[in-house]
Amino acid sequence: MPHLLHVPALAPAEYAYVATVEPSARLVLTAGACPLDADGATVAPGDPVGQARQVMANLETALGAARATLTDVVRTTVYVASSDRADLVAVWQVVRDAFGDHDPPSTLLGVAVLGYPDQLVEVEAVAAVPAR
């Protein structure tokens, strides 16, 4: 299990500032999870919250293929194709809700464009699965 550290000397945040991983852990690095359905179509065009839900479901599926779960995640990067802070906050809430009490270090970025047509959200993750 990763060790997530909140740093009292830094501003309070909804995520840990630091994660440490035991040397024996197996690292899992994902590609960016995208808001695509099983046929490769972009889900919820124009709706960052709907896309964030699909992204998190796809991320869980990808992690599961590597025998990992969201509680194994030690870092995320969340991309939102928007300059509107409200969109970033709304997407962040979906991501936070998916993780529940697990709060890995994360970076939230507003970007100009993402790779698929109508894509607004993408999430990359690094997980560390404890040795069994």
N, C-alpha and C. Protein backbone atom coordinates (compact mmCIF):
# COMPACT_ATOMS: atom_id res chain seq x y z
N MET A 1 0.85 -1.18 0.00
CA MET A 1 0.00 0.00 0.00
C MET A 1 0.89 1.24 0.00
N PRO A 2 0.58 2.21 -0.84
CA PRO A 2 1.39 3.44 -0.84
C PRO A 2 1.17 4.23 0.45
N HIS A 3 2.15 5.01 0.78
CA HIS A 3 2.04 5.90 1.93
C HIS A 3 1.80 7.30 1.38
N LEU A 4 0.64 7.87 1.67
CA LEU A 4 0.29 9.21 1.20
C LEU A 4 0.51 10.19 2.33
N LEU A 5 1.25 11.24 2.05
CA LEU A 5 1.65 12.18 3.09
C LEU A 5 1.04 13.55 2.85
N HIS A 6 0.35 14.04 3.86
CA HIS A 6 -0.10 15.43 3.87
C HIS A 6 0.99 16.21 4.58
N VAL A 7 1.29 17.38 4.11
CA VAL A 7 2.41 18.16 4.64
C VAL A 7 1.85 19.38 5.36
N PRO A 8 1.84 19.36 6.70
CA PRO A 8 1.25 20.46 7.46
C PRO A 8 1.88 21.82 7.17
N ALA A 9 3.12 21.85 6.73
CA ALA A 9 3.78 23.13 6.44
C ALA A 9 3.30 23.75 5.12
N LEU A 10 2.53 22.99 4.33
CA LEU A 10 1.99 23.50 3.06
C LEU A 10 0.49 23.75 3.22
N ALA A 11 -0.07 24.50 2.30
CA ALA A 11 -1.50 24.83 2.34
C ALA A 11 -2.34 23.55 2.34
N PRO A 12 -3.45 23.54 3.07
CA PRO A 12 -4.33 22.36 3.06
C PRO A 12 -4.80 22.08 1.63
N ALA A 13 -4.88 20.79 1.28
CA ALA A 13 -5.30 20.39 -0.06
C ALA A 13 -6.15 19.14 0.04
N GLU A 14 -6.94 18.88 -1.01
CA GLU A 14 -7.80 17.69 -1.06
C GLU A 14 -7.03 16.47 -1.52
N TYR A 15 -5.73 16.51 -1.47
CA TYR A 15 -4.89 15.41 -1.93
C TYR A 15 -3.61 15.43 -1.11
N ALA A 16 -2.93 14.30 -1.09
CA ALA A 16 -1.62 14.23 -0.44
C ALA A 16 -0.61 14.97 -1.31
N TYR A 17 0.35 15.60 -0.66
CA TYR A 17 1.41 16.26 -1.41
C TYR A 17 2.48 15.28 -1.87
N VAL A 18 2.63 14.17 -1.15
CA VAL A 18 3.72 13.23 -1.41
C VAL A 18 3.20 11.81 -1.27
N ALA A 19 3.69 10.92 -2.11
CA ALA A 19 3.42 9.49 -1.96
C ALA A 19 4.76 8.76 -1.98
N THR A 20 4.89 7.77 -1.11
CA THR A 20 6.07 6.92 -1.14
C THR A 20 5.62 5.49 -1.43
N VAL A 21 6.52 4.73 -2.03
CA VAL A 21 6.20 3.38 -2.47
C VAL A 21 7.29 2.44 -1.95
N GLU A 22 6.88 1.31 -1.44
CA GLU A 22 7.85 0.30 -0.99
C GLU A 22 8.64 -0.23 -2.18
N PRO A 23 9.93 -0.52 -2.00
CA PRO A 23 10.75 -0.99 -3.12
C PRO A 23 10.23 -2.27 -3.77
N SER A 24 9.51 -3.09 -3.02
CA SER A 24 9.02 -4.35 -3.57
C SER A 24 7.72 -4.20 -4.37
N ALA A 25 7.15 -3.02 -4.40
CA ALA A 25 5.87 -2.82 -5.10
C ALA A 25 6.06 -2.93 -6.61
N ARG A 26 5.02 -3.40 -7.28
CA ARG A 26 5.00 -3.48 -8.74
C ARG A 26 4.35 -2.20 -9.26
N LEU A 27 5.09 -1.44 -10.08
CA LEU A 27 4.55 -0.19 -10.62
C LEU A 27 3.66 -0.47 -11.83
N VAL A 28 2.57 0.28 -11.90
CA VAL A 28 1.64 0.21 -13.03
C VAL A 28 1.49 1.64 -13.54
N LEU A 29 1.84 1.86 -14.80
CA LEU A 29 1.74 3.19 -15.41
C LEU A 29 0.71 3.13 -16.52
N THR A 30 -0.30 3.97 -16.43
CA THR A 30 -1.36 3.94 -17.44
C THR A 30 -1.11 4.97 -18.53
N ALA A 31 -1.66 4.69 -19.69
CA ALA A 31 -1.82 5.73 -20.69
C ALA A 31 -2.93 6.64 -20.18
N GLY A 32 -3.11 7.76 -20.82
CA GLY A 32 -4.21 8.62 -20.42
C GLY A 32 -5.54 7.92 -20.66
N ALA A 33 -6.37 7.83 -19.62
CA ALA A 33 -7.71 7.27 -19.78
C ALA A 33 -8.57 8.34 -20.44
N CYS A 34 -9.28 7.94 -21.49
CA CYS A 34 -10.06 8.88 -22.30
C CYS A 34 -11.55 8.57 -22.18
N PRO A 35 -12.41 9.51 -22.56
CA PRO A 35 -13.86 9.31 -22.44
C PRO A 35 -14.44 8.58 -23.65
N LEU A 36 -13.91 7.38 -23.90
CA LEU A 36 -14.36 6.61 -25.06
C LEU A 36 -15.19 5.42 -24.61
N ASP A 37 -16.21 5.09 -25.40
CA ASP A 37 -16.98 3.88 -25.11
C ASP A 37 -16.26 2.68 -25.74
N ALA A 38 -16.85 1.50 -25.61
CA ALA A 38 -16.21 0.27 -26.10
C ALA A 38 -16.00 0.28 -27.61
N ASP A 39 -16.76 1.11 -28.33
CA ASP A 39 -16.61 1.19 -29.78
C ASP A 39 -15.64 2.29 -30.20
N GLY A 40 -15.07 3.02 -29.24
CA GLY A 40 -14.11 4.07 -29.55
C GLY A 40 -14.74 5.43 -29.81
N ALA A 41 -16.02 5.57 -29.54
CA ALA A 41 -16.70 6.87 -29.72
C ALA A 41 -16.55 7.70 -28.45
N THR A 42 -16.40 9.01 -28.62
CA THR A 42 -16.30 9.91 -27.48
C THR A 42 -17.67 10.01 -26.81
N VAL A 43 -17.68 9.79 -25.50
CA VAL A 43 -18.90 9.85 -24.69
C VAL A 43 -19.14 11.29 -24.25
N ALA A 44 -20.38 11.69 -24.19
CA ALA A 44 -20.80 12.98 -23.62
C ALA A 44 -20.08 14.19 -24.22
N PRO A 45 -20.12 14.36 -25.54
CA PRO A 45 -19.49 15.55 -26.14
C PRO A 45 -20.04 16.83 -25.50
N GLY A 46 -19.14 17.75 -25.18
CA GLY A 46 -19.54 19.03 -24.59
C GLY A 46 -19.82 18.99 -23.10
N ASP A 47 -19.72 17.81 -22.48
CA ASP A 47 -20.05 17.65 -21.06
C ASP A 47 -18.83 17.14 -20.29
N PRO A 48 -18.05 18.04 -19.69
CA PRO A 48 -16.84 17.59 -18.99
C PRO A 48 -17.14 16.64 -17.83
N VAL A 49 -18.24 16.83 -17.13
CA VAL A 49 -18.57 15.95 -16.00
C VAL A 49 -18.91 14.55 -16.51
N GLY A 50 -19.72 14.46 -17.53
CA GLY A 50 -20.05 13.16 -18.12
C GLY A 50 -18.82 12.46 -18.64
N GLN A 51 -17.93 13.22 -19.27
CA GLN A 51 -16.69 12.63 -19.76
C GLN A 51 -15.81 12.17 -18.60
N ALA A 52 -15.75 12.94 -17.53
CA ALA A 52 -14.93 12.56 -16.38
C ALA A 52 -15.42 11.24 -15.79
N ARG A 53 -16.72 11.05 -15.74
CA ARG A 53 -17.26 9.78 -15.22
C ARG A 53 -16.80 8.60 -16.09
N GLN A 54 -16.86 8.78 -17.41
CA GLN A 54 -16.42 7.71 -18.32
C GLN A 54 -14.92 7.48 -18.19
N VAL A 55 -14.17 8.56 -18.08
CA VAL A 55 -12.72 8.45 -17.92
C VAL A 55 -12.37 7.64 -16.67
N MET A 56 -13.03 7.93 -15.56
CA MET A 56 -12.71 7.21 -14.32
C MET A 56 -13.12 5.74 -14.42
N ALA A 57 -14.24 5.46 -15.07
CA ALA A 57 -14.63 4.06 -15.28
C ALA A 57 -13.59 3.35 -16.14
N ASN A 58 -13.12 4.02 -17.20
CA ASN A 58 -12.11 3.43 -18.07
C ASN A 58 -10.79 3.25 -17.33
N LEU A 59 -10.44 4.21 -16.47
CA LEU A 59 -9.21 4.09 -15.69
C LEU A 59 -9.29 2.87 -14.77
N GLU A 60 -10.42 2.68 -14.11
CA GLU A 60 -10.58 1.51 -13.24
C GLU A 60 -10.45 0.21 -14.04
N THR A 61 -11.01 0.18 -15.24
CA THR A 61 -10.90 -1.00 -16.08
C THR A 61 -9.45 -1.27 -16.48
N ALA A 62 -8.75 -0.22 -16.87
CA ALA A 62 -7.33 -0.37 -17.26
C ALA A 62 -6.50 -0.86 -16.08
N LEU A 63 -6.71 -0.26 -14.92
CA LEU A 63 -5.97 -0.69 -13.73
C LEU A 63 -6.29 -2.15 -13.40
N GLY A 64 -7.55 -2.51 -13.52
CA GLY A 64 -7.95 -3.89 -13.24
C GLY A 64 -7.24 -4.90 -14.13
N ALA A 65 -6.99 -4.52 -15.38
CA ALA A 65 -6.27 -5.41 -16.30
C ALA A 65 -4.86 -5.69 -15.80
N ALA A 66 -4.32 -4.78 -14.99
CA ALA A 66 -2.99 -4.95 -14.41
C ALA A 66 -3.07 -5.41 -12.96
N ARG A 67 -4.24 -5.88 -12.55
CA ARG A 67 -4.48 -6.33 -11.17
C ARG A 67 -4.18 -5.23 -10.16
N ALA A 68 -4.65 -4.03 -10.48
CA ALA A 68 -4.52 -2.87 -9.60
C ALA A 68 -5.89 -2.23 -9.44
N THR A 69 -6.03 -1.39 -8.42
CA THR A 69 -7.27 -0.67 -8.18
C THR A 69 -6.96 0.80 -7.93
N LEU A 70 -7.99 1.59 -7.80
CA LEU A 70 -7.78 3.01 -7.52
C LEU A 70 -7.03 3.22 -6.20
N THR A 71 -7.19 2.33 -5.25
CA THR A 71 -6.48 2.50 -3.97
C THR A 71 -4.98 2.23 -4.10
N ASP A 72 -4.55 1.68 -5.22
CA ASP A 72 -3.12 1.48 -5.47
C ASP A 72 -2.48 2.69 -6.15
N VAL A 73 -3.29 3.63 -6.60
CA VAL A 73 -2.77 4.79 -7.34
C VAL A 73 -1.96 5.68 -6.42
N VAL A 74 -0.78 6.08 -6.91
CA VAL A 74 0.11 6.95 -6.13
C VAL A 74 0.27 8.33 -6.77
N ARG A 75 -0.26 8.52 -7.97
CA ARG A 75 -0.16 9.83 -8.62
C ARG A 75 -1.10 9.88 -9.80
N THR A 76 -1.73 11.03 -10.01
CA THR A 76 -2.53 11.25 -11.21
C THR A 76 -2.20 12.60 -11.82
N THR A 77 -2.46 12.68 -13.11
CA THR A 77 -2.48 13.95 -13.81
C THR A 77 -3.83 14.03 -14.52
N VAL A 78 -4.56 15.11 -14.26
CA VAL A 78 -5.91 15.29 -14.80
C VAL A 78 -5.86 16.45 -15.79
N TYR A 79 -6.24 16.17 -17.03
CA TYR A 79 -6.24 17.18 -18.08
C TYR A 79 -7.69 17.53 -18.43
N VAL A 80 -7.98 18.82 -18.51
CA VAL A 80 -9.31 19.29 -18.90
C VAL A 80 -9.13 20.31 -20.01
N ALA A 81 -9.73 20.05 -21.16
CA ALA A 81 -9.62 20.97 -22.29
C ALA A 81 -10.60 22.12 -22.09
N SER A 82 -10.19 23.07 -21.26
CA SER A 82 -11.02 24.24 -20.96
C SER A 82 -10.17 25.29 -20.27
N SER A 83 -10.52 26.54 -20.51
CA SER A 83 -9.89 27.63 -19.76
C SER A 83 -10.81 28.14 -18.66
N ASP A 84 -11.95 27.47 -18.50
CA ASP A 84 -12.93 27.86 -17.48
C ASP A 84 -12.65 27.07 -16.20
N ARG A 85 -12.26 27.78 -15.16
CA ARG A 85 -11.93 27.12 -13.89
C ARG A 85 -13.10 26.28 -13.37
N ALA A 86 -14.33 26.69 -13.62
CA ALA A 86 -15.49 25.92 -13.17
C ALA A 86 -15.50 24.51 -13.77
N ASP A 87 -15.08 24.38 -15.03
CA ASP A 87 -14.98 23.06 -15.65
C ASP A 87 -13.93 22.21 -14.96
N LEU A 88 -12.79 22.82 -14.64
CA LEU A 88 -11.73 22.08 -13.95
C LEU A 88 -12.21 21.61 -12.58
N VAL A 89 -12.89 22.48 -11.85
CA VAL A 89 -13.39 22.13 -10.52
C VAL A 89 -14.43 21.01 -10.63
N ALA A 90 -15.31 21.07 -11.61
CA ALA A 90 -16.34 20.05 -11.76
C ALA A 90 -15.72 18.69 -12.09
N VAL A 91 -14.73 18.68 -12.97
CA VAL A 91 -14.04 17.43 -13.30
C VAL A 91 -13.30 16.90 -12.08
N TRP A 92 -12.61 17.81 -11.38
CA TRP A 92 -11.86 17.41 -10.19
C TRP A 92 -12.78 16.73 -9.18
N GLN A 93 -14.00 17.22 -9.02
CA GLN A 93 -14.94 16.63 -8.06
C GLN A 93 -15.28 15.19 -8.45
N VAL A 94 -15.46 14.94 -9.73
CA VAL A 94 -15.74 13.57 -10.19
C VAL A 94 -14.55 12.66 -9.88
N VAL A 95 -13.35 13.15 -10.15
CA VAL A 95 -12.14 12.37 -9.88
C VAL A 95 -12.03 12.09 -8.38
N ARG A 96 -12.20 13.11 -7.57
CA ARG A 96 -12.10 12.95 -6.11
C ARG A 96 -13.15 11.96 -5.60
N ASP A 97 -14.38 12.07 -6.11
CA ASP A 97 -15.44 11.16 -5.69
C ASP A 97 -15.08 9.71 -6.04
N ALA A 98 -14.47 9.49 -7.19
CA ALA A 98 -14.09 8.14 -7.60
C ALA A 98 -13.05 7.56 -6.64
N PHE A 99 -12.14 8.39 -6.17
CA PHE A 99 -11.09 7.92 -5.27
C PHE A 99 -11.56 7.79 -3.82
N GLY A 100 -12.65 8.41 -3.46
CA GLY A 100 -13.14 8.32 -2.08
C GLY A 100 -12.13 8.88 -1.10
N ASP A 101 -11.83 8.11 -0.06
CA ASP A 101 -10.89 8.56 0.97
C ASP A 101 -9.44 8.47 0.54
N HIS A 102 -9.16 7.78 -0.56
CA HIS A 102 -7.80 7.66 -1.07
C HIS A 102 -7.47 8.95 -1.83
N ASP A 103 -6.42 9.63 -1.45
CA ASP A 103 -6.16 10.97 -2.01
C ASP A 103 -4.73 11.11 -2.53
N PRO A 104 -4.40 10.43 -3.64
CA PRO A 104 -3.03 10.47 -4.15
C PRO A 104 -2.65 11.87 -4.63
N PRO A 105 -1.35 12.17 -4.63
CA PRO A 105 -0.91 13.43 -5.21
C PRO A 105 -1.43 13.54 -6.65
N SER A 106 -1.82 14.74 -7.03
CA SER A 106 -2.41 14.93 -8.34
C SER A 106 -2.11 16.31 -8.87
N THR A 107 -2.05 16.40 -10.18
CA THR A 107 -1.92 17.68 -10.86
C THR A 107 -3.15 17.85 -11.75
N LEU A 108 -3.80 19.00 -11.66
CA LEU A 108 -4.99 19.33 -12.46
C LEU A 108 -4.60 20.44 -13.42
N LEU A 109 -4.78 20.17 -14.72
CA LEU A 109 -4.36 21.13 -15.74
C LEU A 109 -5.49 21.47 -16.70
N GLY A 110 -5.61 22.75 -17.02
CA GLY A 110 -6.45 23.18 -18.12
C GLY A 110 -5.57 23.25 -19.36
N VAL A 111 -6.01 22.62 -20.44
CA VAL A 111 -5.22 22.57 -21.67
C VAL A 111 -6.07 23.04 -22.84
N ALA A 112 -5.41 23.33 -23.96
CA ALA A 112 -6.12 23.85 -25.12
C ALA A 112 -6.92 22.78 -25.86
N VAL A 113 -6.34 21.60 -26.00
CA VAL A 113 -6.99 20.55 -26.79
C VAL A 113 -6.45 19.19 -26.36
N LEU A 114 -7.29 18.16 -26.52
CA LEU A 114 -6.87 16.78 -26.28
C LEU A 114 -7.02 16.00 -27.57
N GLY A 115 -6.57 14.76 -27.59
CA GLY A 115 -6.35 14.03 -28.83
C GLY A 115 -7.54 13.55 -29.62
N TYR A 116 -8.65 13.19 -28.98
CA TYR A 116 -9.79 12.65 -29.72
C TYR A 116 -10.81 13.74 -30.03
N PRO A 117 -11.58 13.56 -31.11
CA PRO A 117 -12.63 14.54 -31.41
C PRO A 117 -13.58 14.70 -30.22
N ASP A 118 -13.89 15.92 -29.88
CA ASP A 118 -14.82 16.26 -28.80
C ASP A 118 -14.33 15.87 -27.40
N GLN A 119 -13.08 15.46 -27.27
CA GLN A 119 -12.55 15.05 -25.96
C GLN A 119 -12.26 16.27 -25.10
N LEU A 120 -12.74 16.23 -23.85
CA LEU A 120 -12.52 17.31 -22.89
C LEU A 120 -11.71 16.88 -21.67
N VAL A 121 -11.63 15.57 -21.39
CA VAL A 121 -11.02 15.09 -20.15
C VAL A 121 -10.11 13.89 -20.43
N GLU A 122 -9.00 13.84 -19.70
CA GLU A 122 -8.09 12.69 -19.74
C GLU A 122 -7.40 12.59 -18.38
N VAL A 123 -7.18 11.38 -17.91
CA VAL A 123 -6.51 11.17 -16.62
C VAL A 123 -5.44 10.10 -16.79
N GLU A 124 -4.21 10.44 -16.41
CA GLU A 124 -3.10 9.47 -16.35
C GLU A 124 -2.90 9.08 -14.89
N ALA A 125 -2.46 7.86 -14.66
CA ALA A 125 -2.22 7.41 -13.29
C ALA A 125 -0.97 6.54 -13.21
N VAL A 126 -0.35 6.59 -12.04
CA VAL A 126 0.72 5.67 -11.67
C VAL A 126 0.23 4.96 -10.42
N ALA A 127 0.29 3.64 -10.44
CA ALA A 127 -0.13 2.84 -9.28
C ALA A 127 1.05 2.00 -8.81
N ALA A 128 1.01 1.64 -7.55
CA ALA A 128 2.02 0.76 -6.96
C ALA A 128 1.28 -0.36 -6.24
N VAL A 129 1.40 -1.56 -6.78
CA VAL A 129 0.71 -2.72 -6.22
C VAL A 129 1.66 -3.41 -5.25
N PRO A 130 1.24 -3.59 -4.01
CA PRO A 130 2.11 -4.24 -3.03
C PRO A 130 2.48 -5.66 -3.46
N ALA A 131 3.67 -6.07 -3.11
CA ALA A 131 4.10 -7.45 -3.38
C ALA A 131 3.17 -8.39 -2.61
N ARG A 132 2.81 -9.47 -3.23
CA ARG A 132 1.88 -10.41 -2.58
C ARG A 132 2.59 -11.71 -2.30
